[in-house]
Amino acid sequence: MKSMTTKELEAKLAAGEALNLIDVRETDEVAAGKIPGAVNIPLGLVEFRMHELDKNKEYIMICRSGGRSGRATELLESHGYKVINMTGGMLAWEGAVE
């Protein structure tokens, strides 16, 4: 499983890279703040909404601590998607939130 740290993600965003971020936390968790531009697809819905994703794009999965996003990464990888897990999750995120 590919992974990246919160600092690596923050650097990519600061450099203006166009990234596809998916936050797999529950909607009430996301309401407290998410990385700008991240799309919320709760972990329990990823399997049912994966058809909305493009297999030609790379996605960075985000959750609270890295566990749920890791499970989402494994699920999507098993279906042929290019996915990276953000380790440490929002607990380790020091960048901007919306």
PDB file of N, CA and C in Angstrom:
ATOM      1  N   MET A   1       0.842  -1.182   0.000  1.00  0.00           N
ATOM      2  CA  MET A   1       0.000   0.000   0.000  1.00  0.00           C
ATOM      3  C   MET A   1       0.889   1.247   0.000  1.00  0.00           C
ATOM      4  N   LYS A   2       0.634   2.139  -0.945  1.00  0.00           N
ATOM      5  CA  LYS A   2       1.377   3.392  -0.986  1.00  0.00           C
ATOM      6  C   LYS A   2       0.851   4.313   0.111  1.00  0.00           C
ATOM      7  N   SER A   3       1.751   5.095   0.689  1.00  0.00           N
ATOM      8  CA  SER A   3       1.321   6.039   1.713  1.00  0.00           C
ATOM      9  C   SER A   3       2.127   7.326   1.596  1.00  0.00           C
ATOM     10  N   MET A   4       1.608   8.384   2.220  1.00  0.00           N
ATOM     11  CA  MET A   4       2.318   9.648   2.290  1.00  0.00           C
ATOM     12  C   MET A   4       2.004  10.279   3.634  1.00  0.00           C
ATOM     13  N   THR A   5       2.930  11.084   4.111  1.00  0.00           N
ATOM     14  CA  THR A   5       2.725  11.748   5.392  1.00  0.00           C
ATOM     15  C   THR A   5       1.901  13.013   5.198  1.00  0.00           C
ATOM     16  N   THR A   6       1.417  13.540   6.297  1.00  0.00           N
ATOM     17  CA  THR A   6       0.663  14.796   6.230  1.00  0.00           C
ATOM     18  C   THR A   6       1.557  15.919   5.717  1.00  0.00           C
ATOM     19  N   LYS A   7       2.830  15.914   6.099  1.00  0.00           N
ATOM     20  CA  LYS A   7       3.770  16.953   5.640  1.00  0.00           C
ATOM     21  C   LYS A   7       3.979  16.874   4.128  1.00  0.00           C
ATOM     22  N   GLU A   8       4.069  15.647   3.592  1.00  0.00           N
ATOM     23  CA  GLU A   8       4.229  15.483   2.146  1.00  0.00           C
ATOM     24  C   GLU A   8       3.003  16.015   1.407  1.00  0.00           C
ATOM     25  N   LEU A   9       1.820  15.711   1.932  1.00  0.00           N
ATOM     26  CA  LEU A   9       0.592  16.200   1.312  1.00  0.00           C
ATOM     27  C   LEU A   9       0.523  17.722   1.391  1.00  0.00           C
ATOM     28  N   GLU A  10       0.871  18.259   2.545  1.00  0.00           N
ATOM     29  CA  GLU A  10       0.841  19.707   2.721  1.00  0.00           C
ATOM     30  C   GLU A  10       1.773  20.394   1.709  1.00  0.00           C
ATOM     31  N   ALA A  11       2.944  19.811   1.481  1.00  0.00           N
ATOM     32  CA  ALA A  11       3.901  20.377   0.521  1.00  0.00           C
ATOM     33  C   ALA A  11       3.345  20.337  -0.901  1.00  0.00           C
ATOM     34  N   LYS A  12       2.685  19.235  -1.259  1.00  0.00           N
ATOM     35  CA  LYS A  12       2.091  19.124  -2.593  1.00  0.00           C
ATOM     36  C   LYS A  12       0.991  20.178  -2.785  1.00  0.00           C
ATOM     37  N   LEU A  13       0.157  20.358  -1.771  1.00  0.00           N
ATOM     38  CA  LEU A  13      -0.909  21.362  -1.863  1.00  0.00           C
ATOM     39  C   LEU A  13      -0.322  22.771  -1.954  1.00  0.00           C
ATOM     40  N   ALA A  14       0.724  23.034  -1.168  1.00  0.00           N
ATOM     41  CA  ALA A  14       1.369  24.347  -1.180  1.00  0.00           C
ATOM     42  C   ALA A  14       2.006  24.635  -2.539  1.00  0.00           C
ATOM     43  N   ALA A  15       2.458  23.587  -3.218  1.00  0.00           N
ATOM     44  CA  ALA A  15       3.067  23.740  -4.541  1.00  0.00           C
ATOM     45  C   ALA A  15       2.013  23.888  -5.642  1.00  0.00           C
ATOM     46  N   GLY A  16       0.749  23.807  -5.253  1.00  0.00           N
ATOM     47  CA  GLY A  16      -0.332  23.993  -6.213  1.00  0.00           C
ATOM     48  C   GLY A  16      -0.674  22.758  -7.028  1.00  0.00           C
ATOM     49  N   GLU A  17      -0.215  21.589  -6.592  1.00  0.00           N
ATOM     50  CA  GLU A  17      -0.542  20.359  -7.326  1.00  0.00           C
ATOM     51  C   GLU A  17      -2.044  20.090  -7.262  1.00  0.00           C
ATOM     52  N   ALA A  18      -2.596  19.645  -8.378  1.00  0.00           N
ATOM     53  CA  ALA A  18      -4.012  19.271  -8.420  1.00  0.00           C
ATOM     54  C   ALA A  18      -4.125  17.844  -7.899  1.00  0.00           C
ATOM     55  N   LEU A  19      -4.743  17.686  -6.739  1.00  0.00           N
ATOM     56  CA  LEU A  19      -4.839  16.376  -6.099  1.00  0.00           C
ATOM     57  C   LEU A  19      -6.294  15.975  -5.914  1.00  0.00           C
ATOM     58  N   ASN A  20      -6.523  14.675  -5.870  1.00  0.00           N
ATOM     59  CA  ASN A  20      -7.859  14.130  -5.620  1.00  0.00           C
ATOM     60  C   ASN A  20      -7.867  13.572  -4.198  1.00  0.00           C
ATOM     61  N   LEU A  21      -8.500  14.306  -3.293  1.00  0.00           N
ATOM     62  CA  LEU A  21      -8.528  13.925  -1.886  1.00  0.00           C
ATOM     63  C   LEU A  21      -9.892  13.371  -1.527  1.00  0.00           C
ATOM     64  N   ILE A  22      -9.904  12.224  -0.849  1.00  0.00           N
ATOM     65  CA  ILE A  22     -11.160  11.634  -0.388  1.00  0.00           C
ATOM     66  C   ILE A  22     -11.062  11.423   1.115  1.00  0.00           C
ATOM     67  N   ASP A  23     -11.965  12.049   1.840  1.00  0.00           N
ATOM     68  CA  ASP A  23     -12.024  11.940   3.304  1.00  0.00           C
ATOM     69  C   ASP A  23     -13.078  10.890   3.629  1.00  0.00           C
ATOM     70  N   VAL A  24     -12.658   9.784   4.255  1.00  0.00           N
ATOM     71  CA  VAL A  24     -13.586   8.677   4.514  1.00  0.00           C
ATOM     72  C   VAL A  24     -14.183   8.712   5.921  1.00  0.00           C
ATOM     73  N   ARG A  25     -14.022   9.840   6.626  1.00  0.00           N
ATOM     74  CA  ARG A  25     -14.640   9.966   7.949  1.00  0.00           C
ATOM     75  C   ARG A  25     -16.150  10.159   7.800  1.00  0.00           C
ATOM     76  N   GLU A  26     -16.852  10.009   8.906  1.00  0.00           N
ATOM     77  CA  GLU A  26     -18.295  10.220   8.908  1.00  0.00           C
ATOM     78  C   GLU A  26     -18.585  11.715   8.724  1.00  0.00           C
ATOM     79  N   THR A  27     -19.778  12.028   8.245  1.00  0.00           N
ATOM     80  CA  THR A  27     -20.112  13.421   7.927  1.00  0.00           C
ATOM     81  C   THR A  27     -19.997  14.353   9.130  1.00  0.00           C
ATOM     82  N   ASP A  28     -20.327  13.877  10.332  1.00  0.00           N
ATOM     83  CA  ASP A  28     -20.221  14.743  11.510  1.00  0.00           C
ATOM     84  C   ASP A  28     -18.758  15.053  11.835  1.00  0.00           C
ATOM     85  N   GLU A  29     -17.849  14.110  11.548  1.00  0.00           N
ATOM     86  CA  GLU A  29     -16.421  14.353  11.763  1.00  0.00           C
ATOM     87  C   GLU A  29     -15.899  15.379  10.758  1.00  0.00           C
ATOM     88  N   VAL A  30     -16.333  15.250   9.515  1.00  0.00           N
ATOM     89  CA  VAL A  30     -15.901  16.154   8.454  1.00  0.00           C
ATOM     90  C   VAL A  30     -16.430  17.572   8.716  1.00  0.00           C
ATOM     91  N   ALA A  31     -17.610  17.668   9.300  1.00  0.00           N
ATOM     92  CA  ALA A  31     -18.196  18.980   9.598  1.00  0.00           C
ATOM     93  C   ALA A  31     -17.307  19.793  10.536  1.00  0.00           C
ATOM     94  N   ALA A  32     -16.493  19.105  11.346  1.00  0.00           N
ATOM     95  CA  ALA A  32     -15.593  19.793  12.275  1.00  0.00           C
ATOM     96  C   ALA A  32     -14.359  20.342  11.561  1.00  0.00           C
ATOM     97  N   GLY A  33     -14.174  19.985  10.292  1.00  0.00           N
ATOM     98  CA  GLY A  33     -13.053  20.486   9.513  1.00  0.00           C
ATOM     99  C   GLY A  33     -12.431  19.429   8.640  1.00  0.00           C
ATOM    100  N   LYS A  34     -12.168  19.796   7.384  1.00  0.00           N
ATOM    101  CA  LYS A  34     -11.528  18.884   6.446  1.00  0.00           C
ATOM    102  C   LYS A  34     -10.497  19.653   5.641  1.00  0.00           C
ATOM    103  N   ILE A  35      -9.625  18.922   4.979  1.00  0.00           N
ATOM    104  CA  ILE A  35      -8.623  19.548   4.124  1.00  0.00           C
ATOM    105  C   ILE A  35      -9.358  20.185   2.949  1.00  0.00           C
ATOM    106  N   PRO A  36      -9.063  21.452   2.636  1.00  0.00           N
ATOM    107  CA  PRO A  36      -9.754  22.119   1.530  1.00  0.00           C
ATOM    108  C   PRO A  36      -9.702  21.301   0.238  1.00  0.00           C
ATOM    109  N   GLY A  37     -10.866  21.143  -0.371  1.00  0.00           N
ATOM    110  CA  GLY A  37     -10.965  20.404  -1.625  1.00  0.00           C
ATOM    111  C   GLY A  37     -11.245  18.922  -1.480  1.00  0.00           C
ATOM    112  N   ALA A  38     -11.162  18.396  -0.262  1.00  0.00           N
ATOM    113  CA  ALA A  38     -11.414  16.962  -0.065  1.00  0.00           C
ATOM    114  C   ALA A  38     -12.892  16.651  -0.245  1.00  0.00           C
ATOM    115  N   VAL A  39     -13.172  15.511  -0.862  1.00  0.00           N
ATOM    116  CA  VAL A  39     -14.538  15.034  -1.054  1.00  0.00           C
ATOM    117  C   VAL A  39     -14.818  14.016   0.049  1.00  0.00           C
ATOM    118  N   ASN A  40     -15.979  14.133   0.687  1.00  0.00           N
ATOM    119  CA  ASN A  40     -16.340  13.207   1.762  1.00  0.00           C
ATOM    120  C   ASN A  40     -17.114  12.020   1.210  1.00  0.00           C
ATOM    121  N   ILE A  41     -16.529  10.823   1.359  1.00  0.00           N
ATOM    122  CA  ILE A  41     -17.225   9.566   1.078  1.00  0.00           C
ATOM    123  C   ILE A  41     -16.967   8.685   2.306  1.00  0.00           C
ATOM    124  N   PRO A  42     -17.921   8.621   3.252  1.00  0.00           N
ATOM    125  CA  PRO A  42     -17.700   7.802   4.450  1.00  0.00           C
ATOM    126  C   PRO A  42     -17.288   6.376   4.087  1.00  0.00           C
ATOM    127  N   LEU A  43     -16.410   5.795   4.902  1.00  0.00           N
ATOM    128  CA  LEU A  43     -15.859   4.468   4.621  1.00  0.00           C
ATOM    129  C   LEU A  43     -16.939   3.457   4.253  1.00  0.00           C
ATOM    130  N   GLY A  44     -18.052   3.457   4.971  1.00  0.00           N
ATOM    131  CA  GLY A  44     -19.117   2.495   4.710  1.00  0.00           C
ATOM    132  C   GLY A  44     -19.758   2.640   3.338  1.00  0.00           C
ATOM    133  N   LEU A  45     -19.522   3.786   2.670  1.00  0.00           N
ATOM    134  CA  LEU A  45     -20.119   4.022   1.356  1.00  0.00           C
ATOM    135  C   LEU A  45     -19.122   3.896   0.208  1.00  0.00           C
ATOM    136  N   VAL A  46     -17.850   3.748   0.516  1.00  0.00           N
ATOM    137  CA  VAL A  46     -16.826   3.702  -0.530  1.00  0.00           C
ATOM    138  C   VAL A  46     -17.128   2.604  -1.543  1.00  0.00           C
ATOM    139  N   GLU A  47     -17.460   1.414  -1.060  1.00  0.00           N
ATOM    140  CA  GLU A  47     -17.737   0.291  -1.959  1.00  0.00           C
ATOM    141  C   GLU A  47     -18.884   0.600  -2.921  1.00  0.00           C
ATOM    142  N   PHE A  48     -19.879   1.343  -2.446  1.00  0.00           N
ATOM    143  CA  PHE A  48     -21.062   1.637  -3.254  1.00  0.00           C
ATOM    144  C   PHE A  48     -20.872   2.853  -4.152  1.00  0.00           C
ATOM    145  N   ARG A  49     -19.861   3.665  -3.863  1.00  0.00           N
ATOM    146  CA  ARG A  49     -19.641   4.883  -4.658  1.00  0.00           C
ATOM    147  C   ARG A  49     -18.353   4.848  -5.478  1.00  0.00           C
ATOM    148  N   MET A  50     -17.629   3.721  -5.453  1.00  0.00           N
ATOM    149  CA  MET A  50     -16.362   3.670  -6.189  1.00  0.00           C
ATOM    150  C   MET A  50     -16.554   3.874  -7.686  1.00  0.00           C
ATOM    151  N   HIS A  51     -17.756   3.600  -8.201  1.00  0.00           N
ATOM    152  CA  HIS A  51     -18.012   3.817  -9.626  1.00  0.00           C
ATOM    153  C   HIS A  51     -17.920   5.299  -9.994  1.00  0.00           C
ATOM    154  N   GLU A  52     -17.980   6.195  -8.993  1.00  0.00           N
ATOM    155  CA  GLU A  52     -17.859   7.635  -9.241  1.00  0.00           C
ATOM    156  C   GLU A  52     -16.407   8.046  -9.465  1.00  0.00           C
ATOM    157  N   LEU A  53     -15.477   7.150  -9.141  1.00  0.00           N
ATOM    158  CA  LEU A  53     -14.058   7.466  -9.250  1.00  0.00           C
ATOM    159  C   LEU A  53     -13.502   7.022 -10.594  1.00  0.00           C
ATOM    160  N   ASP A  54     -12.441   7.694 -11.042  1.00  0.00           N
ATOM    161  CA  ASP A  54     -11.804   7.431 -12.329  1.00  0.00           C
ATOM    162  C   ASP A  54     -10.533   6.606 -12.092  1.00  0.00           C
ATOM    163  N   LYS A  55     -10.457   5.417 -12.697  1.00  0.00           N
ATOM    164  CA  LYS A  55      -9.291   4.549 -12.497  1.00  0.00           C
ATOM    165  C   LYS A  55      -8.015   5.143 -13.091  1.00  0.00           C
ATOM    166  N   ASN A  56      -8.138   6.186 -13.904  1.00  0.00           N
ATOM    167  CA  ASN A  56      -6.956   6.832 -14.483  1.00  0.00           C
ATOM    168  C   ASN A  56      -6.389   7.916 -13.577  1.00  0.00           C
ATOM    169  N   LYS A  57      -7.090   8.229 -12.501  1.00  0.00           N
ATOM    170  CA  LYS A  57      -6.630   9.254 -11.562  1.00  0.00           C
ATOM    171  C   LYS A  57      -6.091   8.599 -10.300  1.00  0.00           C
ATOM    172  N   GLU A  58      -5.278   9.348  -9.572  1.00  0.00           N
ATOM    173  CA  GLU A  58      -4.751   8.874  -8.297  1.00  0.00           C
ATOM    174  C   GLU A  58      -5.496   9.584  -7.178  1.00  0.00           C
ATOM    175  N   TYR A  59      -5.853   8.838  -6.144  1.00  0.00           N
ATOM    176  CA  TYR A  59      -6.617   9.388  -5.023  1.00  0.00           C
ATOM    177  C   TYR A  59      -5.837   9.265  -3.728  1.00  0.00           C
ATOM    178  N   ILE A  60      -5.948  10.282  -2.893  1.00  0.00           N
ATOM    179  CA  ILE A  60      -5.320  10.264  -1.572  1.00  0.00           C
ATOM    180  C   ILE A  60      -6.438  10.125  -0.549  1.00  0.00           C
ATOM    181  N   MET A  61      -6.354   9.063   0.246  1.00  0.00           N
ATOM    182  CA  MET A  61      -7.394   8.757   1.221  1.00  0.00           C
ATOM    183  C   MET A  61      -7.027   9.333   2.587  1.00  0.00           C
ATOM    184  N   ILE A  62      -8.027   9.923   3.249  1.00  0.00           N
ATOM    185  CA  ILE A  62      -7.826  10.616   4.518  1.00  0.00           C
ATOM    186  C   ILE A  62      -8.880  10.159   5.521  1.00  0.00           C
ATOM    187  N   CYS A  63      -8.484  10.006   6.796  1.00  0.00           N
ATOM    188  CA  CYS A  63      -9.445   9.766   7.870  1.00  0.00           C
ATOM    189  C   CYS A  63      -8.919  10.431   9.140  1.00  0.00           C
ATOM    190  N   ARG A  64      -9.381   9.992  10.285  1.00  0.00           N
ATOM    191  CA  ARG A  64      -8.986  10.624  11.544  1.00  0.00           C
ATOM    192  C   ARG A  64      -7.542  10.298  11.920  1.00  0.00           C
ATOM    193  N   SER A  65      -7.183   8.990  11.839  1.00  0.00           N
ATOM    194  CA  SER A  65      -5.836   8.603  12.280  1.00  0.00           C
ATOM    195  C   SER A  65      -5.058   7.773  11.250  1.00  0.00           C
ATOM    196  N   GLY A  66      -5.694   7.362  10.182  1.00  0.00           N
ATOM    197  CA  GLY A  66      -5.024   6.571   9.147  1.00  0.00           C
ATOM    198  C   GLY A  66      -5.526   5.148   9.015  1.00  0.00           C
ATOM    199  N   GLY A  67      -6.319   4.681   9.965  1.00  0.00           N
ATOM    200  CA  GLY A  67      -6.834   3.304   9.926  1.00  0.00           C
ATOM    201  C   GLY A  67      -7.925   3.091   8.897  1.00  0.00           C
ATOM    202  N   ARG A  68      -8.963   3.908   8.965  1.00  0.00           N
ATOM    203  CA  ARG A  68     -10.076   3.757   8.013  1.00  0.00           C
ATOM    204  C   ARG A  68      -9.623   4.064   6.594  1.00  0.00           C
ATOM    205  N   SER A  69      -8.782   5.083   6.432  1.00  0.00           N
ATOM    206  CA  SER A  69      -8.300   5.402   5.088  1.00  0.00           C
ATOM    207  C   SER A  69      -7.437   4.253   4.554  1.00  0.00           C
ATOM    208  N   GLY A  70      -6.743   3.553   5.448  1.00  0.00           N
ATOM    209  CA  GLY A  70      -5.980   2.375   5.042  1.00  0.00           C
ATOM    210  C   GLY A  70      -6.888   1.279   4.517  1.00  0.00           C
ATOM    211  N   ARG A  71      -8.014   1.057   5.190  1.00  0.00           N
ATOM    212  CA  ARG A  71      -8.974   0.044   4.729  1.00  0.00           C
ATOM    213  C   ARG A  71      -9.571   0.455   3.385  1.00  0.00           C
ATOM    214  N   ALA A  72      -9.891   1.749   3.233  1.00  0.00           N
ATOM    215  CA  ALA A  72     -10.436   2.240   1.964  1.00  0.00           C
ATOM    216  C   ALA A  72      -9.400   2.082   0.850  1.00  0.00           C
ATOM    217  N   THR A  73      -8.135   2.352   1.170  1.00  0.00           N
ATOM    218  CA  THR A  73      -7.055   2.211   0.187  1.00  0.00           C
ATOM    219  C   THR A  73      -6.954   0.762  -0.280  1.00  0.00           C
ATOM    220  N   GLU A  74      -6.971  -0.177   0.661  1.00  0.00           N
ATOM    221  CA  GLU A  74      -6.898  -1.600   0.297  1.00  0.00           C
ATOM    222  C   GLU A  74      -8.079  -2.014  -0.573  1.00  0.00           C
ATOM    223  N   LEU A  75      -9.279  -1.567  -0.217  1.00  0.00           N
ATOM    224  CA  LEU A  75     -10.476  -1.914  -0.983  1.00  0.00           C
ATOM    225  C   LEU A  75     -10.367  -1.387  -2.413  1.00  0.00           C
ATOM    226  N   LEU A  76     -10.029  -0.115  -2.546  1.00  0.00           N
ATOM    227  CA  LEU A  76      -9.953   0.474  -3.888  1.00  0.00           C
ATOM    228  C   LEU A  76      -8.813  -0.123  -4.706  1.00  0.00           C
ATOM    229  N   GLU A  77      -7.670  -0.388  -4.070  1.00  0.00           N
ATOM    230  CA  GLU A  77      -6.555  -1.029  -4.780  1.00  0.00           C
ATOM    231  C   GLU A  77      -6.980  -2.393  -5.327  1.00  0.00           C
ATOM    232  N   SER A  78      -7.761  -3.127  -4.549  1.00  0.00           N
ATOM    233  CA  SER A  78      -8.187  -4.463  -4.974  1.00  0.00           C
ATOM    234  C   SER A  78      -9.119  -4.403  -6.185  1.00  0.00           C
ATOM    235  N   HIS A  79      -9.664  -3.213  -6.463  1.00  0.00           N
ATOM    236  CA  HIS A  79     -10.544  -3.021  -7.622  1.00  0.00           C
ATOM    237  C   HIS A  79      -9.840  -2.256  -8.743  1.00  0.00           C
ATOM    238  N   GLY A  80      -8.513  -2.115  -8.626  1.00  0.00           N
ATOM    239  CA  GLY A  80      -7.746  -1.521  -9.712  1.00  0.00           C
ATOM    240  C   GLY A  80      -7.577  -0.012  -9.677  1.00  0.00           C
ATOM    241  N   TYR A  81      -7.878   0.631  -8.555  1.00  0.00           N
ATOM    242  CA  TYR A  81      -7.713   2.084  -8.446  1.00  0.00           C
ATOM    243  C   TYR A  81      -6.313   2.423  -7.940  1.00  0.00           C
ATOM    244  N   LYS A  82      -5.829   3.605  -8.324  1.00  0.00           N
ATOM    245  CA  LYS A  82      -4.537   4.111  -7.850  1.00  0.00           C
ATOM    246  C   LYS A  82      -4.806   4.955  -6.611  1.00  0.00           C
ATOM    247  N   VAL A  83      -4.347   4.487  -5.461  1.00  0.00           N
ATOM    248  CA  VAL A  83      -4.702   5.107  -4.190  1.00  0.00           C
ATOM    249  C   VAL A  83      -3.488   5.234  -3.275  1.00  0.00           C
ATOM    250  N   ILE A  84      -3.458   6.318  -2.504  1.00  0.00           N
ATOM    251  CA  ILE A  84      -2.409   6.541  -1.511  1.00  0.00           C
ATOM    252  C   ILE A  84      -3.093   6.816  -0.173  1.00  0.00           C
ATOM    253  N   ASN A  85      -2.584   6.206   0.888  1.00  0.00           N
ATOM    254  CA  ASN A  85      -3.124   6.442   2.224  1.00  0.00           C
ATOM    255  C   ASN A  85      -2.319   7.550   2.910  1.00  0.00           C
ATOM    256  N   MET A  86      -3.012   8.561   3.446  1.00  0.00           N
ATOM    257  CA  MET A  86      -2.332   9.604   4.219  1.00  0.00           C
ATOM    258  C   MET A  86      -2.174   9.103   5.646  1.00  0.00           C
ATOM    259  N   THR A  87      -0.945   8.814   6.041  1.00  0.00           N
ATOM    260  CA  THR A  87      -0.686   8.271   7.368  1.00  0.00           C
ATOM    261  C   THR A  87      -0.836   9.351   8.435  1.00  0.00           C
ATOM    262  N   GLY A  88      -1.325   8.949   9.584  1.00  0.00           N
ATOM    263  CA  GLY A  88      -1.499   9.887  10.693  1.00  0.00           C
ATOM    264  C   GLY A  88      -2.840  10.580  10.707  1.00  0.00           C
ATOM    265  N   GLY A  89      -3.483  10.639   9.536  1.00  0.00           N
ATOM    266  CA  GLY A  89      -4.813  11.228   9.437  1.00  0.00           C
ATOM    267  C   GLY A  89      -4.904  12.672   9.902  1.00  0.00           C
ATOM    268  N   MET A  90      -6.134  13.085  10.152  1.00  0.00           N
ATOM    269  CA  MET A  90      -6.390  14.476  10.544  1.00  0.00           C
ATOM    270  C   MET A  90      -5.800  14.787  11.925  1.00  0.00           C
ATOM    271  N   LEU A  91      -5.543  13.770  12.744  1.00  0.00           N
ATOM    272  CA  LEU A  91      -4.908  14.018  14.038  1.00  0.00           C
ATOM    273  C   LEU A  91      -3.509  14.604  13.845  1.00  0.00           C
ATOM    274  N   ALA A  92      -2.847  14.223  12.750  1.00  0.00           N
ATOM    275  CA  ALA A  92      -1.487  14.696  12.479  1.00  0.00           C
ATOM    276  C   ALA A  92      -1.454  15.900  11.539  1.00  0.00           C
ATOM    277  N   TRP A  93      -2.609  16.245  10.948  1.00  0.00           N
ATOM    278  CA  TRP A  93      -2.675  17.331   9.961  1.00  0.00           C
ATOM    279  C   TRP A  93      -2.484  18.686  10.635  1.00  0.00           C
ATOM    280  N   GLU A  94      -1.544  19.468  10.142  1.00  0.00           N
ATOM    281  CA  GLU A  94      -1.288  20.803  10.682  1.00  0.00           C
ATOM    282  C   GLU A  94      -1.601  21.898   9.681  1.00  0.00           C
ATOM    283  N   GLY A  95      -2.054  21.509   8.488  1.00  0.00           N
ATOM    284  CA  GLY A  95      -2.353  22.475   7.440  1.00  0.00           C
ATOM    285  C   GLY A  95      -3.733  23.101   7.603  1.00  0.00           C
ATOM    286  N   ALA A  96      -4.143  23.796   6.552  1.00  0.00           N
ATOM    287  CA  ALA A  96      -5.437  24.494   6.569  1.00  0.00           C
ATOM    288  C   ALA A  96      -6.597  23.505   6.564  1.00  0.00           C
ATOM    289  N   VAL A  97      -7.701  23.924   7.172  1.00  0.00           N
ATOM    290  CA  VAL A  97      -8.943  23.139   7.132  1.00  0.00           C
ATOM    291  C   VAL A  97     -10.078  24.074   6.743  1.00  0.00           C
ATOM    292  N   GLU A  98     -11.150  23.471   6.206  1.00  0.00           N
ATOM    293  CA  GLU A  98     -12.339  24.262   5.872  1.00  0.00           C
ATOM    294  C   GLU A  98     -13.549  23.643   6.513  1.00  0.00           C
TER     295      GLU A  98
END
